[in-house]
All heavy atoms as atom14 arrays in JSON, in Angstrom:
{
  "sequence": "ATHGVAARRALFLENGVLDVPDGSSMIDEGPVAAIHQAMRAR",
  "atom14_mask": [
    [1, 1, 1, 1, 1, 0, 0, 0, 0, 0, 0, 0, 0, 0],
    [1, 1, 1, 1, 1, 1, 1, 0, 0, 0, 0, 0, 0, 0],
    [1, 1, 1, 1, 1, 1, 1, 1, 1, 1, 0, 0, 0, 0],
    [1, 1, 1, 1, 0, 0, 0, 0, 0, 0, 0, 0, 0, 0],
    [1, 1, 1, 1, 1, 1, 1, 0, 0, 0, 0, 0, 0, 0],
    [1, 1, 1, 1, 1, 0, 0, 0, 0, 0, 0, 0, 0, 0],
    [1, 1, 1, 1, 1, 0, 0, 0, 0, 0, 0, 0, 0, 0],
    [1, 1, 1, 1, 1, 1, 1, 1, 1, 1, 1, 0, 0, 0],
    [1, 1, 1, 1, 1, 1, 1, 1, 1, 1, 1, 0, 0, 0],
    [1, 1, 1, 1, 1, 0, 0, 0, 0, 0, 0, 0, 0, 0],
    [1, 1, 1, 1, 1, 1, 1, 1, 0, 0, 0, 0, 0, 0],
    [1, 1, 1, 1, 1, 1, 1, 1, 1, 1, 1, 0, 0, 0],
    [1, 1, 1, 1, 1, 1, 1, 1, 0, 0, 0, 0, 0, 0],
    [1, 1, 1, 1, 1, 1, 1, 1, 1, 0, 0, 0, 0, 0],
    [1, 1, 1, 1, 1, 1, 1, 1, 0, 0, 0, 0, 0, 0],
    [1, 1, 1, 1, 0, 0, 0, 0, 0, 0, 0, 0, 0, 0],
    [1, 1, 1, 1, 1, 1, 1, 0, 0, 0, 0, 0, 0, 0],
    [1, 1, 1, 1, 1, 1, 1, 1, 0, 0, 0, 0, 0, 0],
    [1, 1, 1, 1, 1, 1, 1, 1, 0, 0, 0, 0, 0, 0],
    [1, 1, 1, 1, 1, 1, 1, 0, 0, 0, 0, 0, 0, 0],
    [1, 1, 1, 1, 1, 1, 1, 0, 0, 0, 0, 0, 0, 0],
    [1, 1, 1, 1, 1, 1, 1, 1, 0, 0, 0, 0, 0, 0],
    [1, 1, 1, 1, 0, 0, 0, 0, 0, 0, 0, 0, 0, 0],
    [1, 1, 1, 1, 1, 1, 0, 0, 0, 0, 0, 0, 0, 0],
    [1, 1, 1, 1, 1, 1, 0, 0, 0, 0, 0, 0, 0, 0],
    [1, 1, 1, 1, 1, 1, 1, 1, 0, 0, 0, 0, 0, 0],
    [1, 1, 1, 1, 1, 1, 1, 1, 0, 0, 0, 0, 0, 0],
    [1, 1, 1, 1, 1, 1, 1, 1, 0, 0, 0, 0, 0, 0],
    [1, 1, 1, 1, 1, 1, 1, 1, 1, 0, 0, 0, 0, 0],
    [1, 1, 1, 1, 0, 0, 0, 0, 0, 0, 0, 0, 0, 0],
    [1, 1, 1, 1, 1, 1, 1, 0, 0, 0, 0, 0, 0, 0],
    [1, 1, 1, 1, 1, 1, 1, 0, 0, 0, 0, 0, 0, 0],
    [1, 1, 1, 1, 1, 0, 0, 0, 0, 0, 0, 0, 0, 0],
    [1, 1, 1, 1, 1, 0, 0, 0, 0, 0, 0, 0, 0, 0],
    [1, 1, 1, 1, 1, 1, 1, 1, 0, 0, 0, 0, 0, 0],
    [1, 1, 1, 1, 1, 1, 1, 1, 1, 1, 0, 0, 0, 0],
    [1, 1, 1, 1, 1, 1, 1, 1, 1, 0, 0, 0, 0, 0],
    [1, 1, 1, 1, 1, 0, 0, 0, 0, 0, 0, 0, 0, 0],
    [1, 1, 1, 1, 1, 1, 1, 1, 0, 0, 0, 0, 0, 0],
    [1, 1, 1, 1, 1, 1, 1, 1, 1, 1, 1, 0, 0, 0],
    [1, 1, 1, 1, 1, 0, 0, 0, 0, 0, 0, 0, 0, 0],
    [1, 1, 1, 1, 1, 1, 1, 1, 1, 1, 1, 0, 0, 0]
  ],
  "atom14_positions": [
    [[121.13, 88.26, 110.73], [121.7, 88.95, 109.58], [121.3, 90.41, 109.53], [122.07, 91.26, 109.07], [121.27, 88.25, 108.29], [0.0, 0.0, 0.0], [0.0, 0.0, 0.0], [0.0, 0.0, 0.0], [0.0, 0.0, 0.0], [0.0, 0.0, 0.0], [0.0, 0.0, 0.0], [0.0, 0.0, 0.0], [0.0, 0.0, 0.0], [0.0, 0.0, 0.0]],
    [[120.11, 90.73, 110.02], [119.59, 92.09, 109.92], [120.03, 92.97, 111.07], [120.4, 94.14, 110.88], [118.05, 92.07, 109.83], [117.64, 91.18, 108.79], [117.5, 93.46, 109.55], [0.0, 0.0, 0.0], [0.0, 0.0, 0.0], [0.0, 0.0, 0.0], [0.0, 0.0, 0.0], [0.0, 0.0, 0.0], [0.0, 0.0, 0.0], [0.0, 0.0, 0.0]],
    [[120.0, 92.44, 112.3], [120.27, 93.26, 113.48], [121.39, 92.72, 114.36], [121.73, 93.38, 115.36], [118.99, 93.41, 114.3], [117.95, 94.22, 113.61], [118.03, 95.59, 113.47], [116.8, 93.84, 112.97], [116.98, 96.03, 112.8], [116.22, 95.0, 112.48], [0.0, 0.0, 0.0], [0.0, 0.0, 0.0], [0.0, 0.0, 0.0], [0.0, 0.0, 0.0]],
    [[121.93, 91.56, 114.03], [123.05, 91.02, 114.79], [122.62, 89.96, 115.78], [121.49, 89.95, 116.28], [0.0, 0.0, 0.0], [0.0, 0.0, 0.0], [0.0, 0.0, 0.0], [0.0, 0.0, 0.0], [0.0, 0.0, 0.0], [0.0, 0.0, 0.0], [0.0, 0.0, 0.0], [0.0, 0.0, 0.0], [0.0, 0.0, 0.0], [0.0, 0.0, 0.0]],
    [[123.54, 89.04, 116.05], [123.26, 87.92, 116.95], [122.91, 88.41, 118.35], [122.0, 87.89, 119.0], [124.47, 86.96, 116.99], [124.26, 85.88, 118.04], [124.69, 86.33, 115.61], [0.0, 0.0, 0.0], [0.0, 0.0, 0.0], [0.0, 0.0, 0.0], [0.0, 0.0, 0.0], [0.0, 0.0, 0.0], [0.0, 0.0, 0.0], [0.0, 0.0, 0.0]],
    [[123.62, 89.42, 118.83], [123.36, 89.92, 120.19], [121.94, 90.46, 120.32], [121.26, 90.21, 121.33], [124.37, 90.99, 120.55], [0.0, 0.0, 0.0], [0.0, 0.0, 0.0], [0.0, 0.0, 0.0], [0.0, 0.0, 0.0], [0.0, 0.0, 0.0], [0.0, 0.0, 0.0], [0.0, 0.0, 0.0], [0.0, 0.0, 0.0], [0.0, 0.0, 0.0]],
    [[121.48, 91.18, 119.32], [120.12, 91.73, 119.36], [119.08, 90.61, 119.32], [118.08, 90.66, 120.04], [119.91, 92.69, 118.19], [0.0, 0.0, 0.0], [0.0, 0.0, 0.0], [0.0, 0.0, 0.0], [0.0, 0.0, 0.0], [0.0, 0.0, 0.0], [0.0, 0.0, 0.0], [0.0, 0.0, 0.0], [0.0, 0.0, 0.0], [0.0, 0.0, 0.0]],
    [[119.34, 89.61, 118.51], [118.39, 88.48, 118.45], [118.37, 87.72, 119.76], [117.3, 87.37, 120.28], [118.76, 87.55, 117.29], [117.73, 86.44, 117.03], [118.06, 85.14, 117.72], [119.36, 84.66, 117.3], [120.05, 83.74, 117.95], [119.59, 83.22, 119.09], [121.24, 83.33, 117.52], [0.0, 0.0, 0.0], [0.0, 0.0, 0.0], [0.0, 0.0, 0.0]],
    [[119.54, 87.45, 120.33], [119.58, 86.74, 121.61], [118.85, 87.52, 122.7], [118.12, 86.95, 123.5], [121.03, 86.49, 122.02], [121.72, 85.39, 121.23], [123.15, 85.21, 121.67], [123.78, 84.07, 121.0], [125.08, 83.87, 120.94], [125.92, 84.71, 121.53], [125.56, 82.8, 120.31], [0.0, 0.0, 0.0], [0.0, 0.0, 0.0], [0.0, 0.0, 0.0]],
    [[119.03, 88.83, 122.72], [118.35, 89.66, 123.72], [116.84, 89.59, 123.53], [116.09, 89.45, 124.51], [118.83, 91.1, 123.61], [0.0, 0.0, 0.0], [0.0, 0.0, 0.0], [0.0, 0.0, 0.0], [0.0, 0.0, 0.0], [0.0, 0.0, 0.0], [0.0, 0.0, 0.0], [0.0, 0.0, 0.0], [0.0, 0.0, 0.0], [0.0, 0.0, 0.0]],
    [[116.39, 89.66, 122.28], [114.96, 89.58, 121.98], [114.38, 88.25, 122.44], [113.31, 88.2, 123.07], [114.73, 89.77, 120.49], [113.28, 89.82, 120.02], [112.6, 91.09, 120.5], [113.22, 89.72, 118.49], [0.0, 0.0, 0.0], [0.0, 0.0, 0.0], [0.0, 0.0, 0.0], [0.0, 0.0, 0.0], [0.0, 0.0, 0.0], [0.0, 0.0, 0.0]],
    [[115.1, 87.17, 122.16], [114.64, 85.85, 122.58], [114.61, 85.72, 124.1], [113.63, 85.27, 124.68], [115.53, 84.76, 121.97], [115.17, 84.36, 120.56], [114.68, 85.29, 119.65], [115.35, 83.06, 120.13], [114.36, 84.92, 118.36], [115.02, 82.68, 118.84], [114.54, 83.61, 117.94], [0.0, 0.0, 0.0], [0.0, 0.0, 0.0], [0.0, 0.0, 0.0]],
    [[115.7, 86.13, 124.75], [115.79, 85.98, 126.21], [114.73, 86.79, 126.94], [114.13, 86.33, 127.91], [117.18, 86.41, 126.69], [118.32, 85.4, 126.45], [119.66, 86.04, 126.77], [118.11, 84.14, 127.29], [0.0, 0.0, 0.0], [0.0, 0.0, 0.0], [0.0, 0.0, 0.0], [0.0, 0.0, 0.0], [0.0, 0.0, 0.0], [0.0, 0.0, 0.0]],
    [[114.48, 87.99, 126.46], [113.48, 88.85, 127.1], [112.08, 88.25, 127.01], [111.18, 88.64, 127.78], [113.5, 90.23, 126.46], [114.73, 91.05, 126.82], [114.9, 92.25, 125.91], [113.93, 92.62, 125.2], [116.01, 92.82, 125.91], [0.0, 0.0, 0.0], [0.0, 0.0, 0.0], [0.0, 0.0, 0.0], [0.0, 0.0, 0.0], [0.0, 0.0, 0.0]],
    [[111.89, 87.31, 126.09], [110.59, 86.68, 125.92], [110.6, 85.2, 126.27], [109.76, 84.43, 125.81], [110.1, 86.92, 124.48], [109.77, 88.38, 124.25], [108.74, 88.86, 124.67], [110.69, 89.11, 123.61], [0.0, 0.0, 0.0], [0.0, 0.0, 0.0], [0.0, 0.0, 0.0], [0.0, 0.0, 0.0], [0.0, 0.0, 0.0], [0.0, 0.0, 0.0]],
    [[111.57, 84.81, 127.09], [111.57, 83.47, 127.68], [112.16, 82.36, 126.85], [111.95, 81.19, 127.17], [0.0, 0.0, 0.0], [0.0, 0.0, 0.0], [0.0, 0.0, 0.0], [0.0, 0.0, 0.0], [0.0, 0.0, 0.0], [0.0, 0.0, 0.0], [0.0, 0.0, 0.0], [0.0, 0.0, 0.0], [0.0, 0.0, 0.0], [0.0, 0.0, 0.0]],
    [[112.92, 82.69, 125.8], [113.53, 81.65, 124.96], [115.05, 81.73, 125.12], [115.67, 82.74, 124.75], [113.13, 81.81, 123.48], [113.83, 80.77, 122.61], [111.61, 81.69, 123.33], [0.0, 0.0, 0.0], [0.0, 0.0, 0.0], [0.0, 0.0, 0.0], [0.0, 0.0, 0.0], [0.0, 0.0, 0.0], [0.0, 0.0, 0.0], [0.0, 0.0, 0.0]],
    [[115.64, 80.67, 125.64], [117.08, 80.69, 125.92], [117.91, 80.53, 124.67], [119.01, 81.09, 124.57], [117.43, 79.58, 126.92], [116.76, 79.68, 128.29], [117.2, 78.5, 129.16], [117.09, 81.0, 128.97], [0.0, 0.0, 0.0], [0.0, 0.0, 0.0], [0.0, 0.0, 0.0], [0.0, 0.0, 0.0], [0.0, 0.0, 0.0], [0.0, 0.0, 0.0]],
    [[117.42, 79.77, 123.7], [118.19, 79.52, 122.47], [117.23, 79.15, 121.36], [116.05, 78.88, 121.59], [119.21, 78.41, 122.7], [120.38, 78.51, 121.73], [120.32, 79.33, 120.79], [121.35, 77.75, 121.9], [0.0, 0.0, 0.0], [0.0, 0.0, 0.0], [0.0, 0.0, 0.0], [0.0, 0.0, 0.0], [0.0, 0.0, 0.0], [0.0, 0.0, 0.0]],
    [[117.75, 79.1, 120.15], [116.93, 78.7, 119.01], [116.5, 77.25, 119.21], [117.33, 76.4, 119.57], [117.74, 78.83, 117.7], [116.9, 78.4, 116.5], [118.23, 80.27, 117.52], [0.0, 0.0, 0.0], [0.0, 0.0, 0.0], [0.0, 0.0, 0.0], [0.0, 0.0, 0.0], [0.0, 0.0, 0.0], [0.0, 0.0, 0.0], [0.0, 0.0, 0.0]],
    [[115.23, 76.91, 119.02], [114.78, 75.52, 119.2], [115.54, 74.57, 118.3], [116.0, 74.95, 117.21], [113.3, 75.58, 118.82], [112.91, 77.01, 118.95], [114.13, 77.81, 118.63], [0.0, 0.0, 0.0], [0.0, 0.0, 0.0], [0.0, 0.0, 0.0], [0.0, 0.0, 0.0], [0.0, 0.0, 0.0], [0.0, 0.0, 0.0], [0.0, 0.0, 0.0]],
    [[115.66, 73.31, 118.75], [116.39, 72.33, 117.94], [115.5, 71.65, 116.91], [115.98, 70.86, 116.09], [117.07, 71.29, 118.83], [116.08, 70.46, 119.64], [114.85, 70.53, 119.38], [116.53, 69.75, 120.55], [0.0, 0.0, 0.0], [0.0, 0.0, 0.0], [0.0, 0.0, 0.0], [0.0, 0.0, 0.0], [0.0, 0.0, 0.0], [0.0, 0.0, 0.0]],
    [[114.22, 71.93, 116.93], [113.33, 71.38, 115.91], [112.82, 69.99, 116.2], [112.12, 69.4, 115.37], [0.0, 0.0, 0.0], [0.0, 0.0, 0.0], [0.0, 0.0, 0.0], [0.0, 0.0, 0.0], [0.0, 0.0, 0.0], [0.0, 0.0, 0.0], [0.0, 0.0, 0.0], [0.0, 0.0, 0.0], [0.0, 0.0, 0.0], [0.0, 0.0, 0.0]],
    [[113.11, 69.46, 117.37], [112.73, 68.07, 117.67], [111.3, 67.92, 118.15], [110.76, 66.81, 118.17], [113.68, 67.49, 118.73], [113.57, 68.22, 119.95], [0.0, 0.0, 0.0], [0.0, 0.0, 0.0], [0.0, 0.0, 0.0], [0.0, 0.0, 0.0], [0.0, 0.0, 0.0], [0.0, 0.0, 0.0], [0.0, 0.0, 0.0], [0.0, 0.0, 0.0]],
    [[110.66, 69.04, 118.55], [109.29, 68.94, 119.06], [108.59, 70.27, 118.93], [109.21, 71.31, 118.68], [109.31, 68.5, 120.53], [109.97, 69.48, 121.34], [0.0, 0.0, 0.0], [0.0, 0.0, 0.0], [0.0, 0.0, 0.0], [0.0, 0.0, 0.0], [0.0, 0.0, 0.0], [0.0, 0.0, 0.0], [0.0, 0.0, 0.0], [0.0, 0.0, 0.0]],
    [[107.27, 70.23, 119.11], [106.49, 71.46, 119.14], [106.9, 72.27, 120.37], [107.42, 71.73, 121.34], [105.0, 71.11, 119.2], [104.5, 70.25, 118.04], [104.54, 71.11, 116.47], [103.07, 72.13, 116.63], [0.0, 0.0, 0.0], [0.0, 0.0, 0.0], [0.0, 0.0, 0.0], [0.0, 0.0, 0.0], [0.0, 0.0, 0.0], [0.0, 0.0, 0.0]],
    [[106.66, 73.58, 120.32], [107.08, 74.45, 121.41], [105.9, 75.31, 121.87], [104.89, 75.44, 121.18], [108.27, 75.33, 121.0], [107.93, 76.2, 119.77], [109.5, 74.48, 120.72], [109.04, 77.14, 119.35], [0.0, 0.0, 0.0], [0.0, 0.0, 0.0], [0.0, 0.0, 0.0], [0.0, 0.0, 0.0], [0.0, 0.0, 0.0], [0.0, 0.0, 0.0]],
    [[106.05, 75.91, 123.04], [105.02, 76.76, 123.63], [104.75, 77.96, 122.72], [105.67, 78.67, 122.33], [105.5, 77.22, 125.01], [104.47, 78.03, 125.77], [103.38, 78.3, 125.22], [104.76, 78.39, 126.93], [0.0, 0.0, 0.0], [0.0, 0.0, 0.0], [0.0, 0.0, 0.0], [0.0, 0.0, 0.0], [0.0, 0.0, 0.0], [0.0, 0.0, 0.0]],
    [[103.47, 78.18, 122.4], [103.14, 79.29, 121.5], [103.36, 80.65, 122.14], [103.61, 81.63, 121.44], [101.69, 79.2, 121.04], [100.67, 79.64, 122.06], [99.27, 79.79, 121.53], [98.93, 79.17, 120.52], [98.49, 80.51, 122.17], [0.0, 0.0, 0.0], [0.0, 0.0, 0.0], [0.0, 0.0, 0.0], [0.0, 0.0, 0.0], [0.0, 0.0, 0.0]],
    [[103.29, 80.74, 123.48], [103.38, 82.03, 124.15], [104.64, 82.8, 123.83], [104.57, 83.96, 123.36], [0.0, 0.0, 0.0], [0.0, 0.0, 0.0], [0.0, 0.0, 0.0], [0.0, 0.0, 0.0], [0.0, 0.0, 0.0], [0.0, 0.0, 0.0], [0.0, 0.0, 0.0], [0.0, 0.0, 0.0], [0.0, 0.0, 0.0], [0.0, 0.0, 0.0]],
    [[105.82, 82.23, 124.08], [107.05, 82.95, 123.75], [107.21, 83.23, 122.25], [107.76, 84.26, 121.88], [108.15, 82.01, 124.25], [107.5, 81.19, 125.32], [106.09, 81.0, 124.85], [0.0, 0.0, 0.0], [0.0, 0.0, 0.0], [0.0, 0.0, 0.0], [0.0, 0.0, 0.0], [0.0, 0.0, 0.0], [0.0, 0.0, 0.0], [0.0, 0.0, 0.0]],
    [[106.72, 82.33, 121.42], [106.82, 82.55, 119.97], [106.03, 83.79, 119.58], [106.53, 84.68, 118.89], [106.3, 81.31, 119.2], [106.27, 81.61, 117.69], [107.16, 80.1, 119.48], [0.0, 0.0, 0.0], [0.0, 0.0, 0.0], [0.0, 0.0, 0.0], [0.0, 0.0, 0.0], [0.0, 0.0, 0.0], [0.0, 0.0, 0.0], [0.0, 0.0, 0.0]],
    [[104.77, 83.85, 120.03], [103.95, 85.02, 119.72], [104.56, 86.28, 120.3], [104.58, 87.34, 119.65], [102.54, 84.8, 120.25], [0.0, 0.0, 0.0], [0.0, 0.0, 0.0], [0.0, 0.0, 0.0], [0.0, 0.0, 0.0], [0.0, 0.0, 0.0], [0.0, 0.0, 0.0], [0.0, 0.0, 0.0], [0.0, 0.0, 0.0], [0.0, 0.0, 0.0]],
    [[105.09, 86.18, 121.53], [105.7, 87.35, 122.18], [106.9, 87.86, 121.39], [107.1, 89.07, 121.25], [106.09, 87.01, 123.6], [0.0, 0.0, 0.0], [0.0, 0.0, 0.0], [0.0, 0.0, 0.0], [0.0, 0.0, 0.0], [0.0, 0.0, 0.0], [0.0, 0.0, 0.0], [0.0, 0.0, 0.0], [0.0, 0.0, 0.0], [0.0, 0.0, 0.0]],
    [[107.71, 86.94, 120.86], [108.88, 87.34, 120.07], [108.46, 88.04, 118.79], [109.02, 89.08, 118.42], [109.78, 86.12, 119.79], [110.53, 85.73, 121.07], [110.76, 86.4, 118.64], [111.24, 84.4, 121.0], [0.0, 0.0, 0.0], [0.0, 0.0, 0.0], [0.0, 0.0, 0.0], [0.0, 0.0, 0.0], [0.0, 0.0, 0.0], [0.0, 0.0, 0.0]],
    [[107.47, 87.5, 118.09], [107.01, 88.14, 116.86], [106.44, 89.53, 117.16], [106.7, 90.49, 116.41], [105.98, 87.26, 116.16], [106.59, 86.18, 115.32], [106.69, 86.26, 113.95], [107.16, 84.99, 115.67], [107.28, 85.17, 113.47], [107.56, 84.38, 114.5], [0.0, 0.0, 0.0], [0.0, 0.0, 0.0], [0.0, 0.0, 0.0], [0.0, 0.0, 0.0]],
    [[105.69, 89.67, 118.25], [105.14, 90.97, 118.59], [106.24, 91.95, 119.03], [106.24, 93.12, 118.64], [104.09, 90.82, 119.69], [102.83, 90.1, 119.2], [101.68, 90.19, 120.19], [101.71, 90.98, 121.13], [100.67, 89.38, 119.98], [0.0, 0.0, 0.0], [0.0, 0.0, 0.0], [0.0, 0.0, 0.0], [0.0, 0.0, 0.0], [0.0, 0.0, 0.0]],
    [[107.18, 91.46, 119.83], [108.29, 92.31, 120.28], [109.16, 92.75, 119.11], [109.67, 93.87, 119.09], [109.12, 91.58, 121.34], [0.0, 0.0, 0.0], [0.0, 0.0, 0.0], [0.0, 0.0, 0.0], [0.0, 0.0, 0.0], [0.0, 0.0, 0.0], [0.0, 0.0, 0.0], [0.0, 0.0, 0.0], [0.0, 0.0, 0.0], [0.0, 0.0, 0.0]],
    [[109.32, 91.87, 118.13], [110.1, 92.22, 116.94], [109.44, 93.39, 116.21], [110.12, 94.33, 115.77], [110.21, 91.01, 116.01], [110.94, 91.29, 114.7], [111.01, 89.85, 113.62], [109.3, 89.74, 113.06], [0.0, 0.0, 0.0], [0.0, 0.0, 0.0], [0.0, 0.0, 0.0], [0.0, 0.0, 0.0], [0.0, 0.0, 0.0], [0.0, 0.0, 0.0]],
    [[108.12, 93.35, 116.09], [107.43, 94.46, 115.43], [107.6, 95.77, 116.19], [107.74, 96.84, 115.6], [105.95, 94.12, 115.25], [105.68, 93.07, 114.2], [104.21, 92.95, 113.86], [103.44, 92.25, 114.87], [103.24, 90.93, 114.89], [103.8, 90.17, 113.96], [102.51, 90.38, 115.84], [0.0, 0.0, 0.0], [0.0, 0.0, 0.0], [0.0, 0.0, 0.0]],
    [[107.56, 95.67, 117.52], [107.7, 96.88, 118.34], [109.13, 97.42, 118.32], [109.34, 98.64, 118.24], [107.28, 96.58, 119.77], [0.0, 0.0, 0.0], [0.0, 0.0, 0.0], [0.0, 0.0, 0.0], [0.0, 0.0, 0.0], [0.0, 0.0, 0.0], [0.0, 0.0, 0.0], [0.0, 0.0, 0.0], [0.0, 0.0, 0.0], [0.0, 0.0, 0.0]],
    [[110.11, 96.54, 118.39], [111.5, 96.97, 118.5], [112.1, 97.36, 117.16], [112.95, 98.26, 117.1], [112.33, 95.85, 119.13], [113.8, 96.24, 119.35], [114.51, 95.26, 120.23], [113.86, 95.16, 121.54], [114.28, 94.36, 122.52], [115.32, 93.57, 122.34], [113.64, 94.32, 123.66], [0.0, 0.0, 0.0], [0.0, 0.0, 0.0], [0.0, 0.0, 0.0]]
  ]
}
């Protein structure tokens, strides 16, 4: 909503996440932390 789907997809892909998780299980903390940090930088 803030920066557009394309910008979010690029942010996720650059940090190793292909798509939004489906919520069925825990996920690797590394890409999650990287996305939050990259969001602050970008």
